[in-house]
Amino acid sequence: MLSFERLKVWEKALMFAKTLVIIADKLPTRYQFSFADQLRRAALSIPSNIAEGVGRKSHRDSSNFYSISRGSVYESINIIKLLEVLNEPSLDVDKLEILYSEAEEIVKMLYGLSK
């Protein structure tokens, strides 16, 4: 097991990313090359940058990757919010609050790693 796999934040980010990919996959065809593609990229970036940050030698370098990961969390939530405003029927509105809560928790944990 690699060291990043022991981090709770990486585990949470991985599950969060999985949820985002599932949402992206359910979007209609008209959104597949815009919203869905960007959502998948942001989802991939979150746990990937945590893993890469753990592998860096300096704390400053690691913090930069954690910052990129945080930005990708914000980007993904922005995309979800826009889809919500557009009244996208494939979104499960009841589950969005849980998604937003998970995003907040991941961001807080990433701030903790950056200190």
N, C-alpha and C. Protein backbone atom coordinates (compact mmCIF):
# COMPACT_ATOMS: atom_id res chain seq x y z
N MET A 1 0.85 -1.18 0.00
CA MET A 1 0.00 0.00 0.00
C MET A 1 0.89 1.24 0.00
N LEU A 2 0.61 2.15 -0.90
CA LEU A 2 1.37 3.40 -0.97
C LEU A 2 0.87 4.36 0.10
N SER A 3 1.71 5.31 0.49
CA SER A 3 1.38 6.19 1.62
C SER A 3 0.11 7.01 1.39
N PHE A 4 -0.16 7.46 0.18
CA PHE A 4 -1.38 8.25 -0.04
C PHE A 4 -2.64 7.43 0.18
N GLU A 5 -2.56 6.11 0.00
CA GLU A 5 -3.72 5.24 0.18
C GLU A 5 -4.14 5.13 1.65
N ARG A 6 -3.27 5.56 2.55
CA ARG A 6 -3.59 5.52 3.98
C ARG A 6 -4.32 6.78 4.44
N LEU A 7 -4.36 7.79 3.58
CA LEU A 7 -4.98 9.06 3.95
C LEU A 7 -6.50 8.99 3.83
N LYS A 8 -7.19 9.42 4.90
CA LYS A 8 -8.64 9.47 4.89
C LYS A 8 -9.15 10.41 3.80
N VAL A 9 -8.45 11.53 3.63
CA VAL A 9 -8.88 12.51 2.63
C VAL A 9 -8.80 11.92 1.22
N TRP A 10 -7.80 11.10 0.97
CA TRP A 10 -7.70 10.47 -0.36
C TRP A 10 -8.86 9.49 -0.56
N GLU A 11 -9.17 8.71 0.47
CA GLU A 11 -10.30 7.77 0.39
C GLU A 11 -11.60 8.51 0.11
N LYS A 12 -11.82 9.59 0.86
CA LYS A 12 -13.04 10.39 0.66
C LYS A 12 -13.07 11.01 -0.73
N ALA A 13 -11.91 11.50 -1.18
CA ALA A 13 -11.82 12.11 -2.50
C ALA A 13 -12.09 11.08 -3.60
N LEU A 14 -11.63 9.87 -3.40
CA LEU A 14 -11.85 8.81 -4.38
C LEU A 14 -13.35 8.49 -4.50
N MET A 15 -14.04 8.39 -3.38
CA MET A 15 -15.48 8.11 -3.39
C MET A 15 -16.27 9.30 -3.94
N PHE A 16 -15.82 10.51 -3.61
CA PHE A 16 -16.44 11.73 -4.13
C PHE A 16 -16.30 11.76 -5.65
N ALA A 17 -15.10 11.44 -6.14
CA ALA A 17 -14.84 11.40 -7.58
C ALA A 17 -15.72 10.36 -8.27
N LYS A 18 -15.88 9.22 -7.63
CA LYS A 18 -16.75 8.17 -8.19
C LYS A 18 -18.17 8.70 -8.36
N THR A 19 -18.67 9.40 -7.34
CA THR A 19 -20.01 9.97 -7.41
C THR A 19 -20.12 10.97 -8.56
N LEU A 20 -19.10 11.81 -8.71
CA LEU A 20 -19.11 12.80 -9.79
C LEU A 20 -19.12 12.14 -11.16
N VAL A 21 -18.36 11.08 -11.33
CA VAL A 21 -18.32 10.36 -12.61
C VAL A 21 -19.69 9.73 -12.90
N ILE A 22 -20.32 9.19 -11.88
CA ILE A 22 -21.66 8.61 -12.06
C ILE A 22 -22.65 9.69 -12.50
N ILE A 23 -22.56 10.87 -11.87
CA ILE A 23 -23.43 11.98 -12.26
C ILE A 23 -23.15 12.36 -13.72
N ALA A 24 -21.88 12.49 -14.06
CA ALA A 24 -21.50 12.86 -15.44
C ALA A 24 -22.03 11.84 -16.44
N ASP A 25 -21.93 10.58 -16.11
CA ASP A 25 -22.38 9.52 -17.03
C ASP A 25 -23.89 9.54 -17.26
N LYS A 26 -24.63 10.07 -16.29
CA LYS A 26 -26.09 10.11 -16.41
C LYS A 26 -26.60 11.35 -17.14
N LEU A 27 -25.72 12.29 -17.40
CA LEU A 27 -26.15 13.51 -18.08
C LEU A 27 -26.55 13.20 -19.53
N PRO A 28 -27.51 13.95 -20.05
CA PRO A 28 -27.94 13.70 -21.43
C PRO A 28 -26.84 14.02 -22.45
N THR A 29 -27.03 13.52 -23.64
CA THR A 29 -26.05 13.66 -24.71
C THR A 29 -25.65 15.12 -24.94
N ARG A 30 -26.59 16.04 -24.86
CA ARG A 30 -26.28 17.44 -25.13
C ARG A 30 -25.25 18.02 -24.16
N TYR A 31 -25.06 17.37 -23.01
CA TYR A 31 -24.09 17.84 -22.02
C TYR A 31 -22.81 17.00 -21.97
N GLN A 32 -22.73 15.94 -22.75
CA GLN A 32 -21.60 15.02 -22.64
C GLN A 32 -20.25 15.65 -23.02
N PHE A 33 -20.23 16.55 -23.98
CA PHE A 33 -18.96 17.13 -24.42
C PHE A 33 -18.65 18.45 -23.72
N SER A 34 -19.50 18.87 -22.83
CA SER A 34 -19.24 20.10 -22.09
C SER A 34 -19.22 19.81 -20.59
N PHE A 35 -20.38 19.84 -19.98
CA PHE A 35 -20.47 19.63 -18.53
C PHE A 35 -19.90 18.29 -18.09
N ALA A 36 -20.31 17.22 -18.75
CA ALA A 36 -19.90 15.88 -18.32
C ALA A 36 -18.39 15.69 -18.45
N ASP A 37 -17.83 16.12 -19.57
CA ASP A 37 -16.39 15.97 -19.77
C ASP A 37 -15.61 16.76 -18.72
N GLN A 38 -16.02 18.00 -18.47
CA GLN A 38 -15.32 18.82 -17.49
C GLN A 38 -15.50 18.27 -16.08
N LEU A 39 -16.67 17.74 -15.78
CA LEU A 39 -16.92 17.16 -14.47
C LEU A 39 -16.05 15.93 -14.25
N ARG A 40 -15.90 15.11 -15.27
CA ARG A 40 -15.02 13.93 -15.16
C ARG A 40 -13.57 14.35 -14.93
N ARG A 41 -13.13 15.38 -15.64
CA ARG A 41 -11.74 15.86 -15.49
C ARG A 41 -11.50 16.39 -14.07
N ALA A 42 -12.45 17.17 -13.57
CA ALA A 42 -12.32 17.69 -12.21
C ALA A 42 -12.33 16.54 -11.20
N ALA A 43 -13.19 15.57 -11.42
CA ALA A 43 -13.27 14.40 -10.52
C ALA A 43 -11.95 13.65 -10.48
N LEU A 44 -11.36 13.44 -11.64
CA LEU A 44 -10.08 12.74 -11.73
C LEU A 44 -8.97 13.52 -11.02
N SER A 45 -9.03 14.83 -11.11
CA SER A 45 -8.00 15.69 -10.55
C SER A 45 -7.95 15.65 -9.01
N ILE A 46 -9.09 15.47 -8.38
CA ILE A 46 -9.15 15.58 -6.91
C ILE A 46 -8.27 14.53 -6.22
N PRO A 47 -8.55 13.24 -6.37
CA PRO A 47 -7.68 12.26 -5.69
C PRO A 47 -6.29 12.16 -6.32
N SER A 48 -6.20 12.44 -7.62
CA SER A 48 -4.89 12.34 -8.30
C SER A 48 -3.90 13.36 -7.75
N ASN A 49 -4.35 14.58 -7.51
CA ASN A 49 -3.45 15.60 -6.99
C ASN A 49 -3.11 15.37 -5.52
N ILE A 50 -4.00 14.74 -4.78
CA ILE A 50 -3.65 14.35 -3.41
C ILE A 50 -2.53 13.33 -3.46
N ALA A 51 -2.69 12.32 -4.30
CA ALA A 51 -1.67 11.28 -4.42
C ALA A 51 -0.33 11.87 -4.86
N GLU A 52 -0.38 12.75 -5.85
CA GLU A 52 0.87 13.36 -6.33
C GLU A 52 1.50 14.24 -5.26
N GLY A 53 0.68 14.95 -4.51
CA GLY A 53 1.20 15.80 -3.44
C GLY A 53 1.92 15.01 -2.37
N VAL A 54 1.38 13.86 -2.03
CA VAL A 54 2.02 13.00 -1.02
C VAL A 54 3.39 12.55 -1.50
N GLY A 55 3.52 12.37 -2.79
CA GLY A 55 4.78 11.89 -3.36
C GLY A 55 5.86 12.94 -3.51
N ARG A 56 5.55 14.18 -3.22
CA ARG A 56 6.54 15.26 -3.35
C ARG A 56 7.42 15.36 -2.12
N LYS A 57 8.63 15.87 -2.32
CA LYS A 57 9.60 15.93 -1.22
C LYS A 57 9.36 17.10 -0.28
N SER A 58 9.10 18.27 -0.83
CA SER A 58 8.96 19.45 0.04
C SER A 58 7.49 19.68 0.40
N HIS A 59 7.30 20.25 1.58
CA HIS A 59 5.94 20.57 2.03
C HIS A 59 5.31 21.61 1.11
N ARG A 60 6.11 22.55 0.66
CA ARG A 60 5.60 23.60 -0.23
C ARG A 60 5.08 22.99 -1.54
N ASP A 61 5.83 22.07 -2.08
CA ASP A 61 5.44 21.39 -3.31
C ASP A 61 4.16 20.57 -3.08
N SER A 62 4.12 19.84 -1.98
CA SER A 62 2.93 19.05 -1.64
C SER A 62 1.71 19.94 -1.50
N SER A 63 1.88 21.07 -0.81
CA SER A 63 0.77 22.00 -0.59
C SER A 63 0.20 22.52 -1.89
N ASN A 64 1.06 22.72 -2.88
CA ASN A 64 0.60 23.18 -4.18
C ASN A 64 -0.37 22.17 -4.80
N PHE A 65 -0.04 20.89 -4.70
CA PHE A 65 -0.93 19.86 -5.25
C PHE A 65 -2.23 19.75 -4.46
N TYR A 66 -2.17 19.95 -3.14
CA TYR A 66 -3.39 19.93 -2.33
C TYR A 66 -4.28 21.12 -2.71
N SER A 67 -3.65 22.24 -3.03
CA SER A 67 -4.38 23.43 -3.46
C SER A 67 -5.09 23.17 -4.80
N ILE A 68 -4.41 22.52 -5.72
CA ILE A 68 -5.02 22.17 -7.00
C ILE A 68 -6.21 21.23 -6.78
N SER A 69 -6.05 20.29 -5.88
CA SER A 69 -7.13 19.36 -5.55
C SER A 69 -8.34 20.12 -5.00
N ARG A 70 -8.09 21.07 -4.09
CA ARG A 70 -9.18 21.89 -3.54
C ARG A 70 -9.89 22.64 -4.67
N GLY A 71 -9.11 23.22 -5.57
CA GLY A 71 -9.70 23.94 -6.69
C GLY A 71 -10.59 23.05 -7.53
N SER A 72 -10.20 21.81 -7.70
CA SER A 72 -11.01 20.86 -8.48
C SER A 72 -12.30 20.50 -7.76
N VAL A 73 -12.26 20.46 -6.43
CA VAL A 73 -13.50 20.25 -5.66
C VAL A 73 -14.45 21.41 -5.93
N TYR A 74 -13.93 22.64 -5.82
CA TYR A 74 -14.76 23.82 -6.07
C TYR A 74 -15.30 23.84 -7.50
N GLU A 75 -14.44 23.49 -8.45
CA GLU A 75 -14.86 23.44 -9.85
C GLU A 75 -16.00 22.44 -10.05
N SER A 76 -15.87 21.28 -9.47
CA SER A 76 -16.91 20.26 -9.65
C SER A 76 -18.24 20.69 -9.04
N ILE A 77 -18.19 21.31 -7.87
CA ILE A 77 -19.43 21.78 -7.24
C ILE A 77 -20.04 22.91 -8.06
N ASN A 78 -19.21 23.77 -8.63
CA ASN A 78 -19.73 24.82 -9.50
C ASN A 78 -20.49 24.23 -10.69
N ILE A 79 -19.94 23.18 -11.29
CA ILE A 79 -20.61 22.53 -12.42
C ILE A 79 -21.95 21.93 -11.98
N ILE A 80 -21.95 21.28 -10.83
CA ILE A 80 -23.19 20.69 -10.30
C ILE A 80 -24.22 21.79 -10.03
N LYS A 81 -23.77 22.90 -9.44
CA LYS A 81 -24.68 24.02 -9.15
C LYS A 81 -25.29 24.57 -10.44
N LEU A 82 -24.47 24.70 -11.48
CA LEU A 82 -24.97 25.20 -12.76
C LEU A 82 -26.01 24.24 -13.34
N LEU A 83 -25.74 22.96 -13.26
CA LEU A 83 -26.72 21.97 -13.73
C LEU A 83 -28.00 22.04 -12.91
N GLU A 84 -27.85 22.33 -11.63
CA GLU A 84 -29.02 22.46 -10.76
C GLU A 84 -29.86 23.67 -11.18
N VAL A 85 -29.19 24.79 -11.46
CA VAL A 85 -29.87 26.01 -11.91
C VAL A 85 -30.58 25.77 -13.25
N LEU A 86 -29.98 24.93 -14.08
CA LEU A 86 -30.57 24.59 -15.38
C LEU A 86 -31.69 23.56 -15.25
N ASN A 87 -31.97 23.15 -14.01
CA ASN A 87 -33.02 22.16 -13.72
C ASN A 87 -32.80 20.85 -14.46
N GLU A 88 -31.55 20.40 -14.48
CA GLU A 88 -31.22 19.14 -15.15
C GLU A 88 -31.93 17.99 -14.43
N PRO A 89 -32.85 17.31 -15.11
CA PRO A 89 -33.65 16.26 -14.46
C PRO A 89 -32.87 15.02 -14.03
N SER A 90 -31.70 14.80 -14.58
CA SER A 90 -30.95 13.59 -14.19
C SER A 90 -30.28 13.73 -12.82
N LEU A 91 -30.24 14.97 -12.29
CA LEU A 91 -29.66 15.17 -10.95
C LEU A 91 -30.63 14.71 -9.88
N ASP A 92 -30.13 13.98 -8.91
CA ASP A 92 -30.93 13.57 -7.77
C ASP A 92 -30.79 14.66 -6.71
N VAL A 93 -31.72 15.60 -6.73
CA VAL A 93 -31.65 16.79 -5.87
C VAL A 93 -31.54 16.43 -4.40
N ASP A 94 -32.18 15.34 -3.99
CA ASP A 94 -32.14 14.92 -2.59
C ASP A 94 -30.72 14.54 -2.15
N LYS A 95 -29.91 14.08 -3.08
CA LYS A 95 -28.55 13.66 -2.74
C LYS A 95 -27.52 14.78 -2.86
N LEU A 96 -27.94 15.93 -3.40
CA LEU A 96 -26.98 17.02 -3.61
C LEU A 96 -26.46 17.59 -2.30
N GLU A 97 -27.31 17.69 -1.29
CA GLU A 97 -26.85 18.22 0.00
C GLU A 97 -25.75 17.35 0.59
N ILE A 98 -25.87 16.04 0.42
CA ILE A 98 -24.83 15.12 0.89
C ILE A 98 -23.55 15.36 0.11
N LEU A 99 -23.68 15.55 -1.20
CA LEU A 99 -22.52 15.82 -2.06
C LEU A 99 -21.82 17.11 -1.63
N TYR A 100 -22.60 18.15 -1.37
CA TYR A 100 -22.03 19.43 -0.95
C TYR A 100 -21.33 19.29 0.41
N SER A 101 -21.92 18.53 1.29
CA SER A 101 -21.33 18.29 2.60
C SER A 101 -20.00 17.53 2.48
N GLU A 102 -19.97 16.53 1.61
CA GLU A 102 -18.72 15.78 1.37
C GLU A 102 -17.65 16.70 0.79
N ALA A 103 -18.05 17.58 -0.10
CA ALA A 103 -17.09 18.53 -0.70
C ALA A 103 -16.48 19.42 0.38
N GLU A 104 -17.32 19.95 1.26
CA GLU A 104 -16.83 20.80 2.35
C GLU A 104 -15.85 20.06 3.24
N GLU A 105 -16.16 18.82 3.56
CA GLU A 105 -15.29 18.02 4.41
C GLU A 105 -13.93 17.78 3.75
N ILE A 106 -13.94 17.45 2.47
CA ILE A 106 -12.69 17.22 1.74
C ILE A 106 -11.85 18.49 1.70
N VAL A 107 -12.48 19.62 1.43
CA VAL A 107 -11.76 20.90 1.39
C VAL A 107 -11.12 21.20 2.74
N LYS A 108 -11.85 21.00 3.82
CA LYS A 108 -11.29 21.24 5.16
C LYS A 108 -10.11 20.33 5.44
N MET A 109 -10.23 19.07 5.05
CA MET A 109 -9.14 18.12 5.27
C MET A 109 -7.91 18.51 4.45
N LEU A 110 -8.13 19.01 3.25
CA LEU A 110 -7.01 19.44 2.40
C LEU A 110 -6.32 20.67 2.98
N TYR A 111 -7.11 21.59 3.56
CA TYR A 111 -6.50 22.74 4.23
C TYR A 111 -5.62 22.26 5.38
N GLY A 112 -6.09 21.25 6.10
CA GLY A 112 -5.31 20.68 7.19
C GLY A 112 -3.99 20.09 6.73
N LEU A 113 -4.00 19.42 5.59
CA LEU A 113 -2.76 18.86 5.04
C LEU A 113 -1.78 19.94 4.61
N SER A 114 -2.32 21.08 4.19
CA SER A 114 -1.47 22.16 3.67
C SER A 114 -0.75 22.94 4.76
N LYS A 115 -1.21 22.83 5.99
CA LYS A 115 -0.61 23.62 7.09
C LYS A 115 0.78 23.14 7.42
